C-alpha atoms as a PDB file:
ATOM      1  CA  MET A   1     140.468 145.918-144.888  1.00  0.00           C
ATOM      2  CA  SER A   2     140.192 146.523-148.621  1.00  0.00           C
ATOM      3  CA  GLU A   3     138.556 143.082-148.880  1.00  0.00           C
ATOM      4  CA  VAL A   4     136.168 143.936-146.042  1.00  0.00           C
ATOM      5  CA  SER A   5     135.432 147.266-147.696  1.00  0.00           C
ATOM      6  CA  ALA A   6     134.513 145.302-150.833  1.00  0.00           C
ATOM      7  CA  ARG A   7     131.995 143.398-148.641  1.00  0.00           C
ATOM      8  CA  ARG A   8     133.819 140.072-148.727  1.00  0.00           C
ATOM      9  CA  GLN A   9     132.405 138.192-145.749  1.00  0.00           C
ATOM     10  CA  GLN A  10     135.244 135.670-145.594  1.00  0.00           C
ATOM     11  CA  ALA A  11     137.757 138.498-145.133  1.00  0.00           C
ATOM     12  CA  PHE A  12     135.569 139.946-142.395  1.00  0.00           C
ATOM     13  CA  ARG A  13     135.429 136.577-140.617  1.00  0.00           C
ATOM     14  CA  VAL A  14     139.232 136.349-140.734  1.00  0.00           C
ATOM     15  CA  LEU A  15     139.531 139.905-139.392  1.00  0.00           C
ATOM     16  CA  MET A  16     137.121 139.125-136.543  1.00  0.00           C
ATOM     17  CA  ARG A  17     138.864 135.865-135.653  1.00  0.00           C
ATOM     18  CA  ARG A  18     142.201 137.667-135.568  1.00  0.00           C
ATOM     19  CA  HIS A  19     141.175 140.804-133.658  1.00  0.00           C
ATOM     20  CA  MET A  20     138.059 140.044-131.585  1.00  0.00           C
ATOM     21  CA  PRO A  21     140.055 138.710-128.584  1.00  0.00           C
ATOM     22  CA  ARG A  22     141.952 141.992-128.193  1.00  0.00           C
ATOM     23  CA  ALA A  23     138.759 144.031-128.616  1.00  0.00           C
ATOM     24  CA  LEU A  24     137.127 141.965-125.853  1.00  0.00           C
ATOM     25  CA  ARG A  25     140.153 142.332-123.539  1.00  0.00           C
ATOM     26  CA  VAL A  26     140.174 146.111-123.869  1.00  0.00           C
ATOM     27  CA  ALA A  27     136.403 146.394-123.439  1.00  0.00           C
ATOM     28  CA  GLN A  28     136.536 144.096-120.386  1.00  0.00           C
ATOM     29  CA  ARG A  29     139.235 146.285-118.807  1.00  0.00           C
ATOM     30  CA  ILE A  30     137.003 149.347-119.178  1.00  0.00           C
ATOM     31  CA  VAL A  31     133.509 148.062-118.380  1.00  0.00           C
ATOM     32  CA  ARG A  32     134.560 145.230-116.011  1.00  0.00           C
ATOM     33  CA  ASP A  33     131.678 143.043-117.170  1.00  0.00           C
ATOM     34  CA  PRO A  34     132.267 140.141-119.594  1.00  0.00           C
ATOM     35  CA  VAL A  35     128.742 140.208-121.002  1.00  0.00           C
ATOM     36  CA  GLU A  36     128.899 143.929-121.649  1.00  0.00           C
ATOM     37  CA  ALA A  37     132.414 143.562-123.106  1.00  0.00           C
ATOM     38  CA  ASP A  38     131.071 140.927-125.511  1.00  0.00           C
ATOM     39  CA  ASP A  39     128.297 143.320-126.595  1.00  0.00           C
ATOM     40  CA  ILE A  40     130.896 146.032-127.167  1.00  0.00           C
ATOM     41  CA  GLY A  41     133.070 143.681-129.222  1.00  0.00           C
ATOM     42  CA  GLN A  42     130.118 142.705-131.405  1.00  0.00           C
ATOM     43  CA  GLU A  43     129.067 146.329-131.854  1.00  0.00           C
ATOM     44  CA  ALA A  44     132.643 147.352-132.673  1.00  0.00           C
ATOM     45  CA  PHE A  45     132.851 144.811-135.482  1.00  0.00           C
ATOM     46  CA  LEU A  46     129.452 145.830-136.792  1.00  0.00           C
ATOM     47  CA  ARG A  47     130.877 149.338-137.041  1.00  0.00           C
ATOM     48  CA  VAL A  48     134.029 148.017-138.718  1.00  0.00           C
ATOM     49  CA  TRP A  49     131.823 146.320-141.322  1.00  0.00           C
ATOM     50  CA  ALA A  50     129.603 149.371-141.781  1.00  0.00           C
ATOM     51  CA  HIS A  51     132.471 151.874-142.002  1.00  0.00           C
ATOM     52  CA  ALA A  52     135.179 149.755-143.637  1.00  0.00           C
ATOM     53  CA  ALA A  53     135.356 152.106-146.621  1.00  0.00           C
ATOM     54  CA  SER A  54     136.304 155.006-144.335  1.00  0.00           C
ATOM     55  CA  PHE A  55     139.373 153.207-142.961  1.00  0.00           C
ATOM     56  CA  ASP A  56     142.600 154.762-144.248  1.00  0.00           C
ATOM     57  CA  PRO A  57     145.774 152.756-143.566  1.00  0.00           C
ATOM     58  CA  ARG A  58     147.854 155.895-144.190  1.00  0.00           C
ATOM     59  CA  VAL A  59     146.272 157.526-141.125  1.00  0.00           C
ATOM     60  CA  ALA A  60     146.360 154.626-138.642  1.00  0.00           C
ATOM     61  CA  LYS A  61     146.915 150.903-138.324  1.00  0.00           C
ATOM     62  CA  PHE A  62     143.782 148.785-138.244  1.00  0.00           C
ATOM     63  CA  THR A  63     144.348 147.877-134.585  1.00  0.00           C
ATOM     64  CA  THR A  64     144.571 151.558-133.651  1.00  0.00           C
ATOM     65  CA  TRP A  65     141.314 152.244-135.498  1.00  0.00           C
ATOM     66  CA  LEU A  66     139.660 149.251-133.823  1.00  0.00           C
ATOM     67  CA  TYR A  67     140.857 150.285-130.347  1.00  0.00           C
ATOM     68  CA  ARG A  68     139.380 153.745-130.921  1.00  0.00           C
ATOM     69  CA  ILE A  69     135.997 152.218-131.785  1.00  0.00           C
ATOM     70  CA  VAL A  70     136.092 149.867-128.780  1.00  0.00           C
ATOM     71  CA  LEU A  71     137.148 152.626-126.392  1.00  0.00           C
ATOM     72  CA  ASN A  72     134.399 154.973-127.590  1.00  0.00           C
ATOM     73  CA  LEU A  73     131.773 152.259-127.148  1.00  0.00           C
ATOM     74  CA  ALA A  74     133.130 151.280-123.722  1.00  0.00           C
ATOM     75  CA  PHE A  75     133.292 154.882-122.501  1.00  0.00           C
ATOM     76  CA  ASP A  76     129.727 155.454-123.723  1.00  0.00           C
ATOM     77  CA  ARG A  77     128.517 152.344-121.885  1.00  0.00           C
ATOM     78  CA  THR A  78     130.201 153.182-118.588  1.00  0.00           C
ATOM     79  CA  GLY A  79     128.787 156.696-118.724  1.00  0.00           C
ATOM     80  CA  ARG A  80     125.255 155.295-119.012  1.00  0.00           C
ATOM     81  CA  ARG A  81     125.580 152.445-116.516  1.00  0.00           C
ATOM     82  CA  THR A  82     123.264 152.710-113.543  1.00  0.00           C
ATOM     83  CA  PHE A  83     124.102 149.399-111.864  1.00  0.00           C
ATOM     84  CA  GLN A  84     127.176 147.568-110.662  1.00  0.00           C
ATOM     85  CA  PRO A  85     127.649 143.953-111.771  1.00  0.00           C
ATOM     86  CA  LEU A  86     127.815 141.237-109.116  1.00  0.00           C
ATOM     87  CA  ASP A  87     131.296 140.026-108.249  1.00  0.00           C
ATOM     88  CA  GLU A  88     132.193 136.770-109.924  1.00  0.00           C
ATOM     89  CA  ALA A  89     131.733 133.769-107.659  1.00  0.00           C
ATOM     90  CA  ALA A  90     134.899 132.030-106.554  1.00  0.00           C
ATOM     91  CA  GLY A  91     135.588 128.642-108.109  1.00  0.00           C
ATOM     92  CA  VAL A  92     136.412 125.388-106.352  1.00  0.00           C
ATOM     93  CA  ALA A  93     140.046 125.354-105.237  1.00  0.00           C
ATOM     94  CA  ASP A  94     142.421 122.989-107.042  1.00  0.00           C
ATOM     95  CA  ALA A  95     144.416 120.653-104.816  1.00  0.00           C
ATOM     96  CA  GLY A  96     147.205 120.131-107.407  1.00  0.00           C
ATOM     97  CA  PRO A  97     150.872 121.014-106.781  1.00  0.00           C
ATOM     98  CA  ALA A  98     150.686 124.391-108.536  1.00  0.00           C
ATOM     99  CA  ALA A  99     147.446 125.338-106.795  1.00  0.00           C
ATOM    100  CA  VAL A 100     149.115 127.757-104.373  1.00  0.00           C
ATOM    101  CA  GLU A 101     150.853 129.642-107.186  1.00  0.00           C
ATOM    102  CA  ARG A 102     147.581 129.854-109.133  1.00  0.00           C
ATOM    103  CA  LEU A 103     145.710 131.051-106.031  1.00  0.00           C
ATOM    104  CA  ILE A 104     148.308 133.770-105.446  1.00  0.00           C
ATOM    105  CA  ALA A 105     148.206 134.834-109.112  1.00  0.00           C
ATOM    106  CA  ASP A 106     144.388 134.831-109.081  1.00  0.00           C
ATOM    107  CA  GLU A 107     144.335 136.931-105.900  1.00  0.00           C
ATOM    108  CA  GLU A 108     146.867 139.412-107.308  1.00  0.00           C
ATOM    109  CA  ARG A 109     144.802 139.674-110.511  1.00  0.00           C
ATOM    110  CA  ARG A 110     141.600 140.172-108.469  1.00  0.00           C
ATOM    111  CA  LEU A 111     143.191 142.913-106.376  1.00  0.00           C
ATOM    112  CA  LEU A 112     144.616 144.606-109.470  1.00  0.00           C
ATOM    113  CA  ASP A 113     141.131 144.509-110.991  1.00  0.00           C
ATOM    114  CA  LEU A 114     139.734 146.103-107.809  1.00  0.00           C
ATOM    115  CA  ALA A 115     142.362 148.855-107.961  1.00  0.00           C
ATOM    116  CA  MET A 116     141.707 149.337-111.705  1.00  0.00           C
ATOM    117  CA  ALA A 117     137.980 149.663-110.953  1.00  0.00           C
ATOM    118  CA  GLU A 118     138.767 152.744-108.870  1.00  0.00           C
ATOM    119  CA  LEU A 119     140.324 154.521-111.877  1.00  0.00           C
ATOM    120  CA  SER A 120     138.366 156.674-114.290  1.00  0.00           C
ATOM    121  CA  ASP A 121     137.392 155.151-117.638  1.00  0.00           C
ATOM    122  CA  ARG A 122     140.148 157.070-119.434  1.00  0.00           C
ATOM    123  CA  GLN A 123     142.760 156.018-116.886  1.00  0.00           C
ATOM    124  CA  ARG A 124     141.719 152.370-117.254  1.00  0.00           C
ATOM    125  CA  GLY A 125     141.955 152.866-121.013  1.00  0.00           C
ATOM    126  CA  VAL A 126     145.539 154.153-120.985  1.00  0.00           C
ATOM    127  CA  ILE A 127     146.676 151.430-118.557  1.00  0.00           C
ATOM    128  CA  ALA A 128     144.919 148.706-120.581  1.00  0.00           C
ATOM    129  CA  LEU A 129     146.343 149.810-123.936  1.00  0.00           C
ATOM    130  CA  PHE A 130     149.886 150.577-122.809  1.00  0.00           C
ATOM    131  CA  HIS A 131     150.587 148.031-120.076  1.00  0.00           C
ATOM    132  CA  MET A 132     148.166 145.203-120.762  1.00  0.00           C
ATOM    133  CA  GLU A 133     147.905 145.251-124.546  1.00  0.00           C
ATOM    134  CA  GLY A 134     151.522 146.310-125.067  1.00  0.00           C
ATOM    135  CA  LEU A 135     150.862 149.179-127.460  1.00  0.00           C
ATOM    136  CA  SER A 136     153.556 151.796-127.830  1.00  0.00           C
ATOM    137  CA  GLY A 137     152.804 155.224-126.402  1.00  0.00           C
ATOM    138  CA  GLU A 138     152.316 156.552-129.933  1.00  0.00           C
ATOM    139  CA  GLU A 139     149.902 153.763-130.912  1.00  0.00           C
ATOM    140  CA  ALA A 140     147.917 154.066-127.695  1.00  0.00           C
ATOM    141  CA  ALA A 141     147.751 157.862-128.050  1.00  0.00           C
ATOM    142  CA  LYS A 142     146.331 157.483-131.559  1.00  0.00           C
ATOM    143  CA  ALA A 143     143.815 154.901-130.346  1.00  0.00           C
ATOM    144  CA  MET A 144     142.662 157.300-127.636  1.00  0.00           C
ATOM    145  CA  ASN A 145     142.697 160.274-129.992  1.00  0.00           C
ATOM    146  CA  LEU A 146     145.260 162.095-127.861  1.00  0.00           C
ATOM    147  CA  SER A 147     148.550 163.795-128.615  1.00  0.00           C
ATOM    148  CA  ALA A 148     151.629 161.879-127.481  1.00  0.00           C
ATOM    149  CA  LYS A 149     152.220 164.459-124.743  1.00  0.00           C
ATOM    150  CA  ALA A 150     148.608 164.292-123.520  1.00  0.00           C
ATOM    151  CA  PHE A 151     148.791 160.493-123.500  1.00  0.00           C
ATOM    152  CA  GLU A 152     152.017 160.529-121.458  1.00  0.00           C
ATOM    153  CA  SER A 153     150.392 162.911-118.990  1.00  0.00           C
ATOM    154  CA  GLN A 154     147.250 160.756-118.747  1.00  0.00           C
ATOM    155  CA  LEU A 155     149.400 157.621-118.310  1.00  0.00           C
ATOM    156  CA  GLY A 156     151.400 159.292-115.522  1.00  0.00           C
ATOM    157  CA  ARG A 157     148.215 160.284-113.702  1.00  0.00           C
ATOM    158  CA  ALA A 158     146.755 156.804-114.170  1.00  0.00           C
ATOM    159  CA  ARG A 159     149.896 155.142-112.803  1.00  0.00           C
ATOM    160  CA  ALA A 160     149.942 157.487-109.814  1.00  0.00           C
ATOM    161  CA  ALA A 161     146.252 156.853-109.109  1.00  0.00           C
ATOM    162  CA  LEU A 162     146.702 153.083-109.456  1.00  0.00           C
ATOM    163  CA  LYS A 163     149.717 153.177-107.141  1.00  0.00           C
ATOM    164  CA  GLU A 164     147.695 155.186-104.595  1.00  0.00           C
ATOM    165  CA  HIS A 165     144.790 152.711-104.710  1.00  0.00           C
ATOM    166  CA  VAL A 166     147.192 149.787-104.226  1.00  0.00           C
ATOM    167  CA  ARG A 167     148.857 151.624-101.308  1.00  0.00           C
ATOM    168  CA  LYS A 168     145.466 152.162 -99.669  1.00  0.00           C
ATOM    169  CA  MET A 169     144.644 148.482-100.117  1.00  0.00           C
ATOM    170  CA  GLN A 170     147.976 147.563 -98.521  1.00  0.00           C
ATOM    171  CA  ASP A 171     147.259 149.895 -95.603  1.00  0.00           C
ATOM    172  CA  LYS A 172     143.904 148.165 -95.094  1.00  0.00           C
ATOM    173  CA  GLY A 173     145.620 144.781 -95.216  1.00  0.00           C
ATOM    174  CA  SER A 174     143.746 143.739 -98.368  1.00  0.00           C
ATOM    175  CA  PHE A 175     146.906 143.304-100.405  1.00  0.00           C
ATOM    176  CA  ALA A 176     149.842 141.183 -99.374  1.00  0.00           C
END
């Protein structure tokens, strides 16, 4: 980050190559739209470039700082959204030997995404950072600008809400 702060473009390119995939994953989990997630990732790195001098490694790790930027942008976007994106079209089924396993995994992922869509932005954020990105509770709390206790509480509520949505889907027969 000191190199980026000194406006060294090569260092910035390395930083983007290393961290853009995780920024996109987190944004996608919140906004549920790959195009919008890409916009958020680009905007996040523009902000990293513009505010590189304000980054203090004694306060937070770079990834924590980046997650905070991505989450703020994603929460802002979902608050302004006035439309719902179209569901992604299903692809052509593979007839290979592992096709059944892939179909089951794809269906489970689709149903998890549907259940995640029912959560609030903040709840999706805590689930995405803790369970999907593998951050520790402390790191995720910092990224969300919450105390450890507030993060644990938010995570508990998010898990309970996710479990309830999955239960409702099971009751409807949508989830095997």
